[in-house]
PDB file of N, CA and C in Angstrom:
ATOM      1  N   MET A   1       9.488  -5.490  72.669  1.00  0.00           N
ATOM      2  CA  MET A   1       8.744  -5.801  73.967  1.00  0.00           C
ATOM      3  C   MET A   1       8.261  -7.107  74.114  1.00  0.00           C
ATOM      4  N   VAL A   2       7.442  -7.471  72.941  1.00  0.00           N
ATOM      5  CA  VAL A   2       6.842  -8.608  72.991  1.00  0.00           C
ATOM      6  C   VAL A   2       7.776  -9.859  73.182  1.00  0.00           C
ATOM      7  N   VAL A   3       8.977  -9.696  72.475  1.00  0.00           N
ATOM      8  CA  VAL A   3       9.898 -10.669  72.552  1.00  0.00           C
ATOM      9  C   VAL A   3      10.674 -10.827  73.731  1.00  0.00           C
ATOM     10  N   VAL A   4      10.718  -9.721  74.475  1.00  0.00           N
ATOM     11  CA  VAL A   4      11.346  -9.878  75.789  1.00  0.00           C
ATOM     12  C   VAL A   4      10.350 -10.610  76.848  1.00  0.00           C
ATOM     13  N   ILE A   5       9.256 -10.310  76.666  1.00  0.00           N
ATOM     14  CA  ILE A   5       8.137 -10.993  77.512  1.00  0.00           C
ATOM     15  C   ILE A   5       8.326 -12.380  77.151  1.00  0.00           C
ATOM     16  N   VAL A   6       8.213 -12.886  75.868  1.00  0.00           N
ATOM     17  CA  VAL A   6       8.095 -14.147  75.495  1.00  0.00           C
ATOM     18  C   VAL A   6       9.356 -15.050  76.183  1.00  0.00           C
ATOM     19  N   VAL A   7      10.573 -14.366  76.125  1.00  0.00           N
ATOM     20  CA  VAL A   7      11.717 -14.842  76.507  1.00  0.00           C
ATOM     21  C   VAL A   7      11.817 -15.099  78.060  1.00  0.00           C
ATOM     22  N   VAL A   8      11.174 -14.045  78.575  1.00  0.00           N
ATOM     23  CA  VAL A   8      11.144 -14.188  80.042  1.00  0.00           C
ATOM     24  C   VAL A   8      10.122 -15.325  80.341  1.00  0.00           C
ATOM     25  N   VAL A   9       8.888 -15.445  80.070  1.00  0.00           N
ATOM     26  CA  VAL A   9       8.284 -16.649  80.362  1.00  0.00           C
ATOM     27  C   VAL A   9       8.760 -18.063  79.742  1.00  0.00           C
ATOM     28  N   VAL A  10       9.556 -18.075  78.880  1.00  0.00           N
ATOM     29  CA  VAL A  10      10.274 -19.220  78.745  1.00  0.00           C
ATOM     30  C   VAL A  10      11.233 -19.566  79.422  1.00  0.00           C
ATOM     31  N   LEU A  11      11.965 -18.711  79.986  1.00  0.00           N
ATOM     32  CA  LEU A  11      13.091 -18.813  80.943  1.00  0.00           C
ATOM     33  C   LEU A  11      12.441 -19.279  82.221  1.00  0.00           C
ATOM     34  N   VAL A  12      11.362 -18.494  82.620  1.00  0.00           N
ATOM     35  CA  VAL A  12      10.734 -18.884  83.762  1.00  0.00           C
ATOM     36  C   VAL A  12       9.972 -20.318  83.926  1.00  0.00           C
ATOM     37  N   ILE A  13       9.415 -20.701  82.929  1.00  0.00           N
ATOM     38  CA  ILE A  13       8.986 -22.230  82.657  1.00  0.00           C
ATOM     39  C   ILE A  13      10.128 -23.276  82.728  1.00  0.00           C
ATOM     40  N   VAL A  14      11.188 -22.887  81.796  1.00  0.00           N
ATOM     41  CA  VAL A  14      12.103 -23.928  81.850  1.00  0.00           C
ATOM     42  C   VAL A  14      12.920 -23.970  83.263  1.00  0.00           C
ATOM     43  N   LEU A  15      13.115 -22.945  83.794  1.00  0.00           N
ATOM     44  CA  LEU A  15      13.828 -22.876  85.133  1.00  0.00           C
ATOM     45  C   LEU A  15      13.025 -23.223  86.172  1.00  0.00           C
ATOM     46  N   ALA A  16      11.669 -23.216  86.146  1.00  0.00           N
ATOM     47  CA  ALA A  16      10.809 -23.602  87.255  1.00  0.00           C
ATOM     48  C   ALA A  16      10.737 -25.039  87.646  1.00  0.00           C
ATOM     49  N   GLY A  17      11.182 -25.987  86.674  1.00  0.00           N
ATOM     50  CA  GLY A  17      11.011 -27.286  87.043  1.00  0.00           C
ATOM     51  C   GLY A  17       9.629 -27.942  86.768  1.00  0.00           C
ATOM     52  N   SER A  18       9.637 -29.275  86.460  1.00  0.00           N
ATOM     53  CA  SER A  18       8.065 -29.827  86.325  1.00  0.00           C
ATOM     54  C   SER A  18       7.224 -29.590  87.485  1.00  0.00           C
ATOM     55  N   ILE A  19       6.291 -29.013  87.326  1.00  0.00           N
ATOM     56  CA  ILE A  19       5.355 -28.551  88.245  1.00  0.00           C
ATOM     57  C   ILE A  19       4.072 -29.611  88.559  1.00  0.00           C
ATOM     58  N   GLU A  20       3.509 -30.089  87.305  1.00  0.00           N
ATOM     59  CA  GLU A  20       2.542 -31.079  87.295  1.00  0.00           C
ATOM     60  C   GLU A  20       3.034 -32.470  87.203  1.00  0.00           C
ATOM     61  N   ASN A  21       2.713 -32.914  88.394  1.00  0.00           N
ATOM     62  CA  ASN A  21       2.977 -34.531  88.582  1.00  0.00           C
ATOM     63  C   ASN A  21       4.569 -34.764  88.032  1.00  0.00           C
ATOM     64  N   PRO A  22       5.526 -34.077  88.935  1.00  0.00           N
ATOM     65  CA  PRO A  22       6.675 -34.461  88.502  1.00  0.00           C
ATOM     66  C   PRO A  22       7.209 -35.834  88.622  1.00  0.00           C
ATOM     67  N   GLY A  23       6.624 -36.760  89.352  1.00  0.00           N
ATOM     68  CA  GLY A  23       6.850 -38.087  89.611  1.00  0.00           C
ATOM     69  C   GLY A  23       5.862 -38.911  89.150  1.00  0.00           C
ATOM     70  N   ASN A  24       5.046 -38.508  88.197  1.00  0.00           N
ATOM     71  CA  ASN A  24       3.952 -39.156  87.483  1.00  0.00           C
ATOM     72  C   ASN A  24       4.602 -40.351  86.547  1.00  0.00           C
ATOM     73  N   PRO A  25       4.614 -41.646  87.024  1.00  0.00           N
ATOM     74  CA  PRO A  25       5.184 -42.550  86.172  1.00  0.00           C
ATOM     75  C   PRO A  25       4.463 -43.111  84.942  1.00  0.00           C
ATOM     76  N   GLU A  26       3.192 -42.704  84.848  1.00  0.00           N
ATOM     77  CA  GLU A  26       2.151 -43.028  83.982  1.00  0.00           C
ATOM     78  C   GLU A  26       2.235 -42.075  82.904  1.00  0.00           C
ATOM     79  N   ASN A  27       2.161 -40.835  83.142  1.00  0.00           N
ATOM     80  CA  ASN A  27       2.417 -39.555  82.166  1.00  0.00           C
ATOM     81  C   ASN A  27       3.445 -38.890  82.349  1.00  0.00           C
ATOM     82  N   PRO A  28       4.718 -39.154  82.352  1.00  0.00           N
ATOM     83  CA  PRO A  28       5.744 -37.911  82.736  1.00  0.00           C
ATOM     84  C   PRO A  28       5.977 -37.079  81.511  1.00  0.00           C
ATOM     85  N   PRO A  29       5.992 -35.660  81.814  1.00  0.00           N
ATOM     86  CA  PRO A  29       6.234 -34.835  80.854  1.00  0.00           C
ATOM     87  C   PRO A  29       7.331 -35.010  79.843  1.00  0.00           C
ATOM     88  N   SER A  30       8.174 -35.726  80.131  1.00  0.00           N
ATOM     89  CA  SER A  30       9.274 -35.945  79.149  1.00  0.00           C
ATOM     90  C   SER A  30       8.888 -36.999  77.982  1.00  0.00           C
ATOM     91  N   ALA A  31       7.762 -37.715  78.327  1.00  0.00           N
ATOM     92  CA  ALA A  31       7.461 -38.839  77.074  1.00  0.00           C
ATOM     93  C   ALA A  31       6.446 -38.029  76.230  1.00  0.00           C
ATOM     94  N   ASP A  32       6.178 -36.860  76.451  1.00  0.00           N
ATOM     95  CA  ASP A  32       5.315 -36.046  75.563  1.00  0.00           C
ATOM     96  C   ASP A  32       6.041 -35.236  74.562  1.00  0.00           C
ATOM     97  N   VAL A  33       7.265 -35.346  74.318  1.00  0.00           N
ATOM     98  CA  VAL A  33       8.114 -34.505  73.466  1.00  0.00           C
ATOM     99  C   VAL A  33       8.997 -35.543  72.755  1.00  0.00           C
ATOM    100  N   ARG A  34       8.913 -35.403  71.452  1.00  0.00           N
ATOM    101  CA  ARG A  34      10.106 -36.073  70.618  1.00  0.00           C
ATOM    102  C   ARG A  34      10.707 -35.077  69.614  1.00  0.00           C
ATOM    103  N   VAL A  35      11.987 -35.349  69.232  1.00  0.00           N
ATOM    104  CA  VAL A  35      12.593 -34.605  68.291  1.00  0.00           C
ATOM    105  C   VAL A  35      12.256 -35.044  66.930  1.00  0.00           C
ATOM    106  N   THR A  36      11.854 -34.151  66.062  1.00  0.00           N
ATOM    107  CA  THR A  36      11.455 -34.496  64.757  1.00  0.00           C
ATOM    108  C   THR A  36      12.405 -34.248  63.569  1.00  0.00           C
ATOM    109  N   SER A  37      13.212 -33.102  63.935  1.00  0.00           N
ATOM    110  CA  SER A  37      14.422 -32.976  63.034  1.00  0.00           C
ATOM    111  C   SER A  37      15.483 -32.362  63.696  1.00  0.00           C
ATOM    112  N   CYS A  38      16.798 -32.116  63.283  1.00  0.00           N
ATOM    113  CA  CYS A  38      17.789 -31.490  63.829  1.00  0.00           C
ATOM    114  C   CYS A  38      18.749 -31.202  62.689  1.00  0.00           C
ATOM    115  N   ALA A  39      19.016 -29.751  62.860  1.00  0.00           N
ATOM    116  CA  ALA A  39      19.800 -29.354  61.507  1.00  0.00           C
ATOM    117  C   ALA A  39      20.508 -27.910  61.862  1.00  0.00           C
ATOM    118  N   VAL A  40      21.585 -27.613  61.049  1.00  0.00           N
ATOM    119  CA  VAL A  40      22.094 -26.224  61.264  1.00  0.00           C
ATOM    120  C   VAL A  40      21.859 -25.300  59.908  1.00  0.00           C
ATOM    121  N   ASP A  41      21.344 -24.268  60.162  1.00  0.00           N
ATOM    122  CA  ASP A  41      20.930 -23.308  59.061  1.00  0.00           C
ATOM    123  C   ASP A  41      22.303 -23.112  58.567  1.00  0.00           C
ATOM    124  N   ALA A  42      22.295 -23.257  57.190  1.00  0.00           N
ATOM    125  CA  ALA A  42      23.723 -22.999  56.306  1.00  0.00           C
ATOM    126  C   ALA A  42      23.957 -21.322  56.311  1.00  0.00           C
ATOM    127  N   ALA A  43      22.997 -20.621  56.340  1.00  0.00           N
ATOM    128  CA  ALA A  43      23.296 -19.009  56.490  1.00  0.00           C
ATOM    129  C   ALA A  43      23.454 -18.424  57.649  1.00  0.00           C
ATOM    130  N   THR A  44      22.773 -18.866  58.751  1.00  0.00           N
ATOM    131  CA  THR A  44      22.966 -18.450  60.149  1.00  0.00           C
ATOM    132  C   THR A  44      24.080 -19.214  60.925  1.00  0.00           C
ATOM    133  N   ARG A  45      24.145 -20.403  60.668  1.00  0.00           N
ATOM    134  CA  ARG A  45      24.967 -21.405  61.303  1.00  0.00           C
ATOM    135  C   ARG A  45      24.393 -21.614  62.593  1.00  0.00           C
ATOM    136  N   LEU A  46      23.281 -21.347  62.726  1.00  0.00           N
ATOM    137  CA  LEU A  46      22.183 -21.706  64.120  1.00  0.00           C
ATOM    138  C   LEU A  46      21.546 -23.149  64.120  1.00  0.00           C
ATOM    139  N   PRO A  47      21.843 -23.890  65.102  1.00  0.00           N
ATOM    140  CA  PRO A  47      21.018 -25.122  65.198  1.00  0.00           C
ATOM    141  C   PRO A  47      19.579 -24.834  65.477  1.00  0.00           C
ATOM    142  N   SER A  48      18.730 -25.778  65.058  1.00  0.00           N
ATOM    143  CA  SER A  48      17.459 -25.898  65.489  1.00  0.00           C
ATOM    144  C   SER A  48      17.038 -27.435  65.537  1.00  0.00           C
ATOM    145  N   ALA A  49      15.886 -27.485  66.465  1.00  0.00           N
ATOM    146  CA  ALA A  49      15.472 -28.980  66.487  1.00  0.00           C
ATOM    147  C   ALA A  49      13.866 -28.745  66.313  1.00  0.00           C
ATOM    148  N   GLY A  50      13.334 -29.447  65.768  1.00  0.00           N
ATOM    149  CA  GLY A  50      12.062 -29.566  65.172  1.00  0.00           C
ATOM    150  C   GLY A  50      11.256 -30.506  66.301  1.00  0.00           C
ATOM    151  N   LEU A  51      10.273 -30.041  67.139  1.00  0.00           N
ATOM    152  CA  LEU A  51       9.546 -30.998  68.290  1.00  0.00           C
ATOM    153  C   LEU A  51       8.313 -31.140  67.775  1.00  0.00           C
ATOM    154  N   GLU A  52       7.789 -32.328  68.310  1.00  0.00           N
ATOM    155  CA  GLU A  52       6.453 -32.571  68.442  1.00  0.00           C
ATOM    156  C   GLU A  52       6.152 -32.976  69.946  1.00  0.00           C
ATOM    157  N   ILE A  53       4.947 -32.123  70.352  1.00  0.00           N
ATOM    158  CA  ILE A  53       4.507 -32.256  71.671  1.00  0.00           C
ATOM    159  C   ILE A  53       3.190 -32.805  71.674  1.00  0.00           C
ATOM    160  N   HIS A  54       2.934 -34.138  72.087  1.00  0.00           N
ATOM    161  CA  HIS A  54       1.635 -34.661  72.341  1.00  0.00           C
ATOM    162  C   HIS A  54       1.293 -34.680  73.732  1.00  0.00           C
ATOM    163  N   ASN A  55       0.296 -33.829  74.206  1.00  0.00           N
ATOM    164  CA  ASN A  55      -0.029 -33.917  75.786  1.00  0.00           C
ATOM    165  C   ASN A  55      -0.746 -35.247  75.946  1.00  0.00           C
ATOM    166  N   HIS A  56      -0.096 -36.106  76.753  1.00  0.00           N
ATOM    167  CA  HIS A  56      -0.930 -37.149  77.361  1.00  0.00           C
ATOM    168  C   HIS A  56      -1.460 -37.163  78.521  1.00  0.00           C
ATOM    169  N   SER A  57      -1.257 -35.852  79.266  1.00  0.00           N
ATOM    170  CA  SER A  57      -1.985 -35.504  80.356  1.00  0.00           C
ATOM    171  C   SER A  57      -3.563 -35.311  80.294  1.00  0.00           C
ATOM    172  N   SER A  58      -4.315 -35.306  81.352  1.00  0.00           N
ATOM    173  CA  SER A  58      -5.775 -35.145  81.252  1.00  0.00           C
ATOM    174  C   SER A  58      -6.269 -33.665  81.310  1.00  0.00           C
ATOM    175  N   LYS A  59      -5.254 -32.960  81.433  1.00  0.00           N
ATOM    176  CA  LYS A  59      -5.292 -31.285  81.372  1.00  0.00           C
ATOM    177  C   LYS A  59      -4.874 -30.520  80.263  1.00  0.00           C
ATOM    178  N   THR A  60      -5.278 -29.478  79.921  1.00  0.00           N
ATOM    179  CA  THR A  60      -4.829 -28.461  78.934  1.00  0.00           C
ATOM    180  C   THR A  60      -3.570 -27.934  79.653  1.00  0.00           C
ATOM    181  N   SER A  61      -2.204 -28.142  78.880  1.00  0.00           N
ATOM    182  CA  SER A  61      -0.882 -27.595  79.526  1.00  0.00           C
ATOM    183  C   SER A  61      -0.255 -26.700  78.811  1.00  0.00           C
ATOM    184  N   THR A  62       0.712 -26.111  79.359  1.00  0.00           N
ATOM    185  CA  THR A  62       1.725 -25.178  78.943  1.00  0.00           C
ATOM    186  C   THR A  62       2.915 -26.141  78.825  1.00  0.00           C
ATOM    187  N   TYR A  63       3.795 -26.156  77.739  1.00  0.00           N
ATOM    188  CA  TYR A  63       4.971 -26.938  77.933  1.00  0.00           C
ATOM    189  C   TYR A  63       6.374 -25.966  77.632  1.00  0.00           C
ATOM    190  N   GLY A  64       7.409 -26.230  78.349  1.00  0.00           N
ATOM    191  CA  GLY A  64       8.595 -25.411  78.169  1.00  0.00           C
ATOM    192  C   GLY A  64       9.537 -26.648  77.982  1.00  0.00           C
ATOM    193  N   VAL A  65      10.324 -26.607  76.986  1.00  0.00           N
ATOM    194  CA  VAL A  65      11.259 -27.592  76.598  1.00  0.00           C
ATOM    195  C   VAL A  65      12.633 -27.046  76.203  1.00  0.00           C
ATOM    196  N   THR A  66      13.767 -27.656  76.996  1.00  0.00           N
ATOM    197  CA  THR A  66      14.943 -27.297  76.765  1.00  0.00           C
ATOM    198  C   THR A  66      15.716 -28.247  75.816  1.00  0.00           C
ATOM    199  N   VAL A  67      16.587 -27.890  74.881  1.00  0.00           N
ATOM    200  CA  VAL A  67      17.179 -28.780  73.866  1.00  0.00           C
ATOM    201  C   VAL A  67      18.529 -28.556  73.927  1.00  0.00           C
ATOM    202  N   GLU A  68      19.445 -29.699  73.861  1.00  0.00           N
ATOM    203  CA  GLU A  68      20.932 -29.630  73.640  1.00  0.00           C
ATOM    204  C   GLU A  68      21.342 -29.865  72.337  1.00  0.00           C
ATOM    205  N   PHE A  69      22.246 -29.081  71.753  1.00  0.00           N
ATOM    206  CA  PHE A  69      22.902 -29.401  70.534  1.00  0.00           C
ATOM    207  C   PHE A  69      24.231 -29.808  70.848  1.00  0.00           C
ATOM    208  N   ARG A  70      24.638 -31.011  70.218  1.00  0.00           N
ATOM    209  CA  ARG A  70      25.888 -31.672  70.622  1.00  0.00           C
ATOM    210  C   ARG A  70      26.646 -31.923  69.108  1.00  0.00           C
ATOM    211  N   ALA A  71      28.029 -31.628  69.223  1.00  0.00           N
ATOM    212  CA  ALA A  71      29.081 -31.827  68.255  1.00  0.00           C
ATOM    213  C   ALA A  71      29.087 -33.468  68.141  1.00  0.00           C
ATOM    214  N   PRO A  72      29.647 -33.832  66.951  1.00  0.00           N
ATOM    215  CA  PRO A  72      29.968 -35.261  66.790  1.00  0.00           C
ATOM    216  C   PRO A  72      30.818 -36.059  67.902  1.00  0.00           C
ATOM    217  N   ASN A  73      31.532 -35.248  68.770  1.00  0.00           N
ATOM    218  CA  ASN A  73      32.468 -35.878  69.726  1.00  0.00           C
ATOM    219  C   ASN A  73      31.635 -35.807  70.894  1.00  0.00           C
ATOM    220  N   GLY A  74      30.507 -35.204  70.865  1.00  0.00           N
ATOM    221  CA  GLY A  74      29.574 -35.354  72.222  1.00  0.00           C
ATOM    222  C   GLY A  74      29.594 -34.165  73.008  1.00  0.00           C
ATOM    223  N   THR A  75      30.350 -33.094  72.704  1.00  0.00           N
ATOM    224  CA  THR A  75      30.580 -31.723  73.346  1.00  0.00           C
ATOM    225  C   THR A  75      29.069 -30.905  72.989  1.00  0.00           C
ATOM    226  N   ARG A  76      28.702 -30.322  74.177  1.00  0.00           N
ATOM    227  CA  ARG A  76      27.740 -29.479  73.756  1.00  0.00           C
ATOM    228  C   ARG A  76      28.019 -28.019  73.256  1.00  0.00           C
ATOM    229  N   VAL A  77      27.431 -27.684  72.158  1.00  0.00           N
ATOM    230  CA  VAL A  77      27.879 -26.650  71.297  1.00  0.00           C
ATOM    231  C   VAL A  77      26.779 -25.480  71.541  1.00  0.00           C
ATOM    232  N   SER A  78      25.811 -25.724  71.713  1.00  0.00           N
ATOM    233  CA  SER A  78      24.538 -24.653  71.875  1.00  0.00           C
ATOM    234  C   SER A  78      23.458 -25.375  72.806  1.00  0.00           C
ATOM    235  N   GLU A  79      22.483 -24.463  73.133  1.00  0.00           N
ATOM    236  CA  GLU A  79      21.341 -24.763  74.068  1.00  0.00           C
ATOM    237  C   GLU A  79      20.096 -24.045  73.378  1.00  0.00           C
ATOM    238  N   GLY A  80      18.922 -24.464  73.453  1.00  0.00           N
ATOM    239  CA  GLY A  80      17.851 -23.738  72.821  1.00  0.00           C
ATOM    240  C   GLY A  80      16.569 -24.220  73.942  1.00  0.00           C
ATOM    241  N   ALA A  81      15.640 -23.466  73.504  1.00  0.00           N
ATOM    242  CA  ALA A  81      14.374 -23.665  74.473  1.00  0.00           C
ATOM    243  C   ALA A  81      13.021 -23.375  73.371  1.00  0.00           C
ATOM    244  N   ALA A  82      12.133 -24.057  73.582  1.00  0.00           N
ATOM    245  CA  ALA A  82      10.787 -23.815  73.191  1.00  0.00           C
ATOM    246  C   ALA A  82       9.686 -23.685  74.055  1.00  0.00           C
ATOM    247  N   LEU A  83       8.525 -22.978  73.766  1.00  0.00           N
ATOM    248  CA  LEU A  83       7.461 -22.841  74.365  1.00  0.00           C
ATOM    249  C   LEU A  83       6.244 -22.963  73.820  1.00  0.00           C
ATOM    250  N   SER A  84       5.256 -23.957  74.399  1.00  0.00           N
ATOM    251  CA  SER A  84       3.893 -23.934  73.607  1.00  0.00           C
ATOM    252  C   SER A  84       2.860 -23.833  74.666  1.00  0.00           C
ATOM    253  N   LEU A  85       1.893 -23.102  74.308  1.00  0.00           N
ATOM    254  CA  LEU A  85       1.108 -22.621  75.239  1.00  0.00           C
ATOM    255  C   LEU A  85      -0.317 -23.272  74.994  1.00  0.00           C
ATOM    256  N   THR A  86      -1.036 -23.602  75.945  1.00  0.00           N
ATOM    257  CA  THR A  86      -2.398 -24.292  75.656  1.00  0.00           C
ATOM    258  C   THR A  86      -2.560 -25.407  74.648  1.00  0.00           C
ATOM    259  N   VAL A  87      -1.854 -26.417  75.155  1.00  0.00           N
ATOM    260  CA  VAL A  87      -2.011 -27.704  74.546  1.00  0.00           C
ATOM    261  C   VAL A  87      -3.095 -28.588  75.074  1.00  0.00           C
ATOM    262  N   ALA A  88      -3.948 -28.707  74.256  1.00  0.00           N
ATOM    263  CA  ALA A  88      -5.086 -29.572  74.953  1.00  0.00           C
ATOM    264  C   ALA A  88      -4.749 -31.034  75.491  1.00  0.00           C
ATOM    265  N   SER A  89      -5.512 -31.744  76.128  1.00  0.00           N
ATOM    266  CA  SER A  89      -5.370 -32.954  76.392  1.00  0.00           C
ATOM    267  C   SER A  89      -5.449 -33.845  75.191  1.00  0.00           C
ATOM    268  N   GLY A  90      -4.402 -34.580  74.789  1.00  0.00           N
ATOM    269  CA  GLY A  90      -4.599 -35.492  73.673  1.00  0.00           C
ATOM    270  C   GLY A  90      -4.235 -34.717  72.358  1.00  0.00           C
ATOM    271  N   GLN A  91      -3.870 -33.237  72.409  1.00  0.00           N
ATOM    272  CA  GLN A  91      -3.640 -32.630  71.447  1.00  0.00           C
ATOM    273  C   GLN A  91      -2.062 -32.848  70.914  1.00  0.00           C
ATOM    274  N   LYS A  92      -1.658 -32.781  69.642  1.00  0.00           N
ATOM    275  CA  LYS A  92      -0.446 -32.829  69.003  1.00  0.00           C
ATOM    276  C   LYS A  92      -0.106 -31.508  68.340  1.00  0.00           C
ATOM    277  N   VAL A  93       1.140 -30.869  68.852  1.00  0.00           N
ATOM    278  CA  VAL A  93       1.599 -29.667  68.271  1.00  0.00           C
ATOM    279  C   VAL A  93       2.947 -29.781  67.968  1.00  0.00           C
ATOM    280  N   THR A  94       3.488 -28.883  66.723  1.00  0.00           N
ATOM    281  CA  THR A  94       4.734 -28.981  66.473  1.00  0.00           C
ATOM    282  C   THR A  94       5.445 -27.474  66.699  1.00  0.00           C
ATOM    283  N   THR A  95       6.644 -27.517  66.954  1.00  0.00           N
ATOM    284  CA  THR A  95       7.385 -26.028  67.554  1.00  0.00           C
ATOM    285  C   THR A  95       8.811 -26.501  67.008  1.00  0.00           C
ATOM    286  N   THR A  96       9.612 -25.392  67.071  1.00  0.00           N
ATOM    287  CA  THR A  96      10.985 -25.384  67.127  1.00  0.00           C
ATOM    288  C   THR A  96      11.934 -24.962  68.272  1.00  0.00           C
ATOM    289  N   ALA A  97      12.747 -25.387  68.487  1.00  0.00           N
ATOM    290  CA  ALA A  97      13.823 -24.980  69.618  1.00  0.00           C
ATOM    291  C   ALA A  97      15.068 -24.632  68.902  1.00  0.00           C
ATOM    292  N   ALA A  98      15.206 -23.201  68.937  1.00  0.00           N
ATOM    293  CA  ALA A  98      16.467 -22.565  68.254  1.00  0.00           C
ATOM    294  C   ALA A  98      17.687 -22.440  69.060  1.00  0.00           C
ATOM    295  N   GLY A  99      18.862 -22.711  68.609  1.00  0.00           N
ATOM    296  CA  GLY A  99      19.973 -22.624  69.616  1.00  0.00           C
ATOM    297  C   GLY A  99      20.465 -21.350  69.271  1.00  0.00           C
ATOM    298  N   LYS A 100      21.193 -20.818  70.440  1.00  0.00           N
ATOM    299  CA  LYS A 100      21.758 -19.603  70.569  1.00  0.00           C
ATOM    300  C   LYS A 100      22.982 -19.130  70.264  1.00  0.00           C
ATOM    301  N   ASP A 101      23.926 -20.261  69.765  1.00  0.00           N
ATOM    302  CA  ASP A 101      25.362 -20.030  69.270  1.00  0.00           C
ATOM    303  C   ASP A 101      25.433 -20.656  67.937  1.00  0.00           C
ATOM    304  N   GLN A 102      26.019 -20.078  67.141  1.00  0.00           N
ATOM    305  CA  GLN A 102      26.383 -20.344  65.950  1.00  0.00           C
ATOM    306  C   GLN A 102      27.272 -21.683  65.777  1.00  0.00           C
ATOM    307  N   VAL A 103      27.321 -22.635  65.289  1.00  0.00           N
ATOM    308  CA  VAL A 103      28.164 -23.709  65.141  1.00  0.00           C
ATOM    309  C   VAL A 103      28.683 -24.099  63.555  1.00  0.00           C
ATOM    310  N   THR A 104      29.743 -24.835  63.642  1.00  0.00           N
ATOM    311  CA  THR A 104      30.231 -24.918  62.212  1.00  0.00           C
ATOM    312  C   THR A 104      30.256 -26.442  61.913  1.00  0.00           C
ATOM    313  N   GLN A 105      29.816 -27.326  62.649  1.00  0.00           N
ATOM    314  CA  GLN A 105      29.784 -28.905  62.154  1.00  0.00           C
ATOM    315  C   GLN A 105      28.261 -29.188  62.519  1.00  0.00           C
ATOM    316  N   LYS A 106      27.921 -30.522  62.143  1.00  0.00           N
ATOM    317  CA  LYS A 106      26.711 -31.021  62.240  1.00  0.00           C
ATOM    318  C   LYS A 106      26.345 -31.229  63.654  1.00  0.00           C
ATOM    319  N   VAL A 107      25.291 -31.336  63.998  1.00  0.00           N
ATOM    320  CA  VAL A 107      25.029 -31.528  65.330  1.00  0.00           C
ATOM    321  C   VAL A 107      23.933 -32.493  65.772  1.00  0.00           C
ATOM    322  N   THR A 108      23.844 -33.102  66.849  1.00  0.00           N
ATOM    323  CA  THR A 108      22.789 -34.140  67.295  1.00  0.00           C
ATOM    324  C   THR A 108      21.974 -33.104  68.239  1.00  0.00           C
ATOM    325  N   CYS A 109      20.608 -33.549  68.433  1.00  0.00           N
ATOM    326  CA  CYS A 109      19.735 -32.823  69.265  1.00  0.00           C
ATOM    327  C   CYS A 109      19.190 -33.550  70.350  1.00  0.00           C
ATOM    328  N   LYS A 110      19.215 -33.129  71.609  1.00  0.00           N
ATOM    329  CA  LYS A 110      18.733 -33.985  72.569  1.00  0.00           C
ATOM    330  C   LYS A 110      17.771 -33.167  73.457  1.00  0.00           C
ATOM    331  N   VAL A 111      16.672 -33.749  73.727  1.00  0.00           N
ATOM    332  CA  VAL A 111      15.780 -32.787  74.782  1.00  0.00           C
ATOM    333  C   VAL A 111      16.411 -33.025  76.157  1.00  0.00           C
ATOM    334  N   THR A 112      16.603 -32.063  76.950  1.00  0.00           N
ATOM    335  CA  THR A 112      17.099 -32.141  78.265  1.00  0.00           C
ATOM    336  C   THR A 112      16.309 -32.124  79.378  1.00  0.00           C
ATOM    337  N   LYS A 113      15.046 -31.189  79.190  1.00  0.00           N
ATOM    338  CA  LYS A 113      14.196 -31.077  80.235  1.00  0.00           C
ATOM    339  C   LYS A 113      12.933 -30.442  79.513  1.00  0.00           C
ATOM    340  N   VAL A 114      11.682 -31.161  80.099  1.00  0.00           N
ATOM    341  CA  VAL A 114      10.398 -30.885  79.770  1.00  0.00           C
ATOM    342  C   VAL A 114       9.764 -30.450  80.868  1.00  0.00           C
ATOM    343  N   ASN A 115       8.963 -29.179  80.852  1.00  0.00           N
ATOM    344  CA  ASN A 115       8.093 -28.832  81.864  1.00  0.00           C
ATOM    345  C   ASN A 115       6.775 -28.805  81.287  1.00  0.00           C
ATOM    346  N   ARG A 116       5.926 -29.446  82.383  1.00  0.00           N
ATOM    347  CA  ARG A 116       4.391 -29.198  81.892  1.00  0.00           C
ATOM    348  C   ARG A 116       3.670 -28.701  82.952  1.00  0.00           C
ATOM    349  N   ILE A 117       2.877 -27.491  82.504  1.00  0.00           N
ATOM    350  CA  ILE A 117       2.216 -26.715  83.729  1.00  0.00           C
ATOM    351  C   ILE A 117       0.722 -26.774  83.312  1.00  0.00           C
ATOM    352  N   ALA A 118      -0.181 -27.408  84.192  1.00  0.00           N
ATOM    353  CA  ALA A 118      -1.466 -27.440  83.998  1.00  0.00           C
ATOM    354  C   ALA A 118      -2.107 -26.066  83.834  1.00  0.00           C
ATOM    355  N   GLY A 119      -3.289 -25.850  83.362  1.00  0.00           N
ATOM    356  CA  GLY A 119      -3.758 -24.503  83.348  1.00  0.00           C
ATOM    357  C   GLY A 119      -4.227 -23.905  82.276  1.00  0.00           C
TER     358      GLY A 119
END
């Protein structure tokens, strides 16, 4: 039950779009997230991306991050998401976005969407 609720919350945040200052050139949500690792688990063959979120906004915020996993030829082979709740202004947190599809080759990881919601 808890897993279903978390998945629904992640999907709502990821699909909702950037709500807080979507056009804020000084502190865009996308500038708050960076990929720190990108790998495929040898046992499960699921890709994952390590992420660091640094809240540059002036308010405590919730982050929804979407990551795309690409094959060496550039084809998207999976997609994943991460959710971090209650990230204080100036705080750095780490999290992981796990892909949902098994892959058989190395991948690169790219953040495709960042939603930052104050509150």
